[in-house]
Protein backbone atom coordinates (compact mmCIF):
# COMPACT_ATOMS: atom_id res chain seq x y z
CA MET A 1 -27.99 -15.43 20.90
CA THR A 2 -28.36 -16.53 17.30
CA ASP A 3 -29.95 -14.50 14.50
CA ASN A 4 -33.01 -16.78 14.70
CA ASP A 5 -33.34 -16.05 18.42
CA LYS A 6 -33.19 -12.31 17.75
CA GLU A 7 -35.94 -12.60 15.15
CA SER A 8 -38.24 -14.52 17.50
CA SER A 9 -37.58 -12.49 20.63
CA THR A 10 -40.25 -10.32 22.17
CA LEU A 11 -39.57 -7.06 23.93
CA CYS A 12 -41.31 -6.94 27.29
CA GLY A 13 -40.40 -3.98 29.45
CA ASP A 14 -36.63 -3.80 29.80
CA ALA A 15 -36.10 -7.52 29.23
CA ILE A 16 -35.90 -9.44 26.00
CA LEU A 17 -37.59 -12.77 26.48
CA ILE A 18 -36.97 -15.56 24.03
CA SER A 19 -39.62 -18.23 23.64
CA SER A 20 -43.27 -18.52 22.83
CA PHE A 21 -43.94 -19.17 26.52
CA ASP A 22 -42.59 -16.56 28.90
CA GLU A 23 -43.72 -14.29 31.69
CA CYS A 24 -44.59 -11.50 29.26
CA SER A 25 -46.90 -13.77 27.23
CA VAL A 26 -48.59 -15.06 30.36
CA VAL A 27 -49.24 -11.54 31.64
CA ASN A 28 -50.51 -10.32 28.26
CA ALA A 29 -52.74 -13.38 27.81
CA HIS A 30 -54.37 -12.70 31.19
CA ARG A 31 -55.89 -9.54 29.70
CA HIS A 32 -58.07 -11.83 27.56
CA CYS A 33 -59.76 -13.72 30.42
CA ALA A 34 -62.49 -11.17 31.13
CA LEU A 35 -65.00 -9.02 29.28
CA HIS A 36 -64.42 -11.23 26.26
CA PHE A 37 -67.82 -12.37 24.99
CA ASP A 38 -67.16 -11.32 21.37
CA GLU A 39 -63.63 -12.75 21.37
CA ILE A 40 -64.84 -16.10 22.72
CA GLN A 41 -67.57 -16.21 20.06
CA ARG A 42 -64.90 -15.73 17.36
CA SER A 43 -62.71 -18.49 18.85
CA ASP A 44 -62.44 -22.02 17.49
CA TYR A 45 -61.61 -23.37 20.95
CA CYS A 46 -61.02 -22.15 24.48
CA GLY A 47 -58.96 -23.13 27.47
CA CYS A 48 -59.16 -22.63 31.20
CA PHE A 49 -55.95 -21.77 33.00
CA HIS A 50 -57.38 -22.88 36.33
CA CYS A 51 -58.20 -26.50 35.46
CA THR A 52 -56.28 -26.52 32.10
CA ALA A 53 -59.27 -27.99 30.22
CA ILE A 54 -59.61 -27.24 26.50
CA PHE A 55 -63.12 -27.07 25.04
CA ALA A 56 -65.33 -25.57 22.33
CA PRO A 57 -66.85 -22.13 22.96
CA LYS A 58 -70.34 -23.64 22.61
CA GLU A 59 -69.70 -25.60 25.84
CA ILE A 60 -69.70 -22.36 27.84
CA ASP A 61 -73.12 -22.05 29.40
CA GLU A 62 -72.46 -19.52 32.14
CA TRP A 63 -71.44 -15.90 31.72
CA ILE A 64 -71.17 -13.28 34.42
CA ASP A 65 -71.69 -9.56 34.05
CA ASP A 66 -68.33 -8.04 34.81
CA ARG A 67 -66.68 -4.62 35.14
CA ARG A 68 -63.04 -3.72 34.63
CA VAL A 69 -61.96 -1.73 37.67
CA SER A 70 -59.29 0.30 35.83
CA ASP A 71 -61.66 1.96 33.35
CA GLY A 72 -65.20 0.95 34.33
CA THR A 73 -65.81 -1.04 31.14
CA PHE A 74 -68.72 -3.49 31.41
CA GLY A 75 -69.07 -6.79 29.58
CA LYS A 76 -69.56 -10.54 29.89
CA THR A 77 -66.95 -12.96 31.21
CA ALA A 78 -67.08 -16.71 30.58
CA MET A 79 -67.08 -19.22 33.39
CA CYS A 80 -65.27 -22.49 32.65
CA PRO A 81 -67.79 -25.27 31.91
CA LYS A 82 -65.48 -27.79 33.62
CA CYS A 83 -64.48 -26.07 36.89
CA GLY A 84 -66.70 -22.96 37.10
CA ILE A 85 -63.83 -20.47 37.44
CA ASP A 86 -63.55 -17.26 35.36
CA SER A 87 -60.17 -18.21 33.85
CA VAL A 88 -61.12 -18.82 30.22
CA ILE A 89 -59.23 -17.54 27.19
CA GLY A 90 -60.14 -18.19 23.56
CA SER A 91 -58.07 -18.97 20.49
CA ALA A 92 -59.09 -15.62 18.94
CA SER A 93 -56.82 -14.03 21.56
CA THR A 94 -53.92 -15.36 19.42
CA PHE A 95 -52.26 -16.91 22.47
CA PRO A 96 -51.60 -20.67 22.37
CA ILE A 97 -54.44 -22.68 23.86
CA THR A 98 -52.28 -25.65 24.80
CA ALA A 99 -51.83 -27.67 27.98
CA GLU A 100 -48.31 -26.26 28.36
CA PHE A 101 -49.36 -22.62 28.05
CA LEU A 102 -52.43 -23.03 30.26
CA SER A 103 -50.27 -24.73 32.90
CA GLY A 104 -47.85 -21.81 32.79
CA MET A 105 -50.72 -19.40 33.27
CA ARG A 106 -52.02 -21.53 36.13
CA SER A 107 -48.62 -21.39 37.83
CA ARG A 108 -48.38 -17.62 37.41
CA TRP A 109 -51.92 -16.69 38.46
CA PHE A 110 -52.82 -19.45 40.92
CA GLY A 111 -49.39 -20.51 42.20
CA LYS A 112 -50.09 -24.17 41.40
């Protein structure tokens, strides 16, 4: 491991994962796919990790009322304007909204 690798590594549990695209990032990004109305509104663009489409937030025309089971929090969750699935994350999440990252999320969460 080089000094540059050490500087860019991310601690995730007991493992140190080196890259901008790893299991830890995919799991953490998933937390941004629900109850995210305000975050989507602050985003410049969004992506769906089901169909891997990338689009502007203004294209979202369907929101569902949602509740987080773990703490009972209520909010609105975006439905993808391309495929209709609730797998949308926005750029305000700070995760990369790229075809590569969305495909990695798709593999992890949908097994495709």
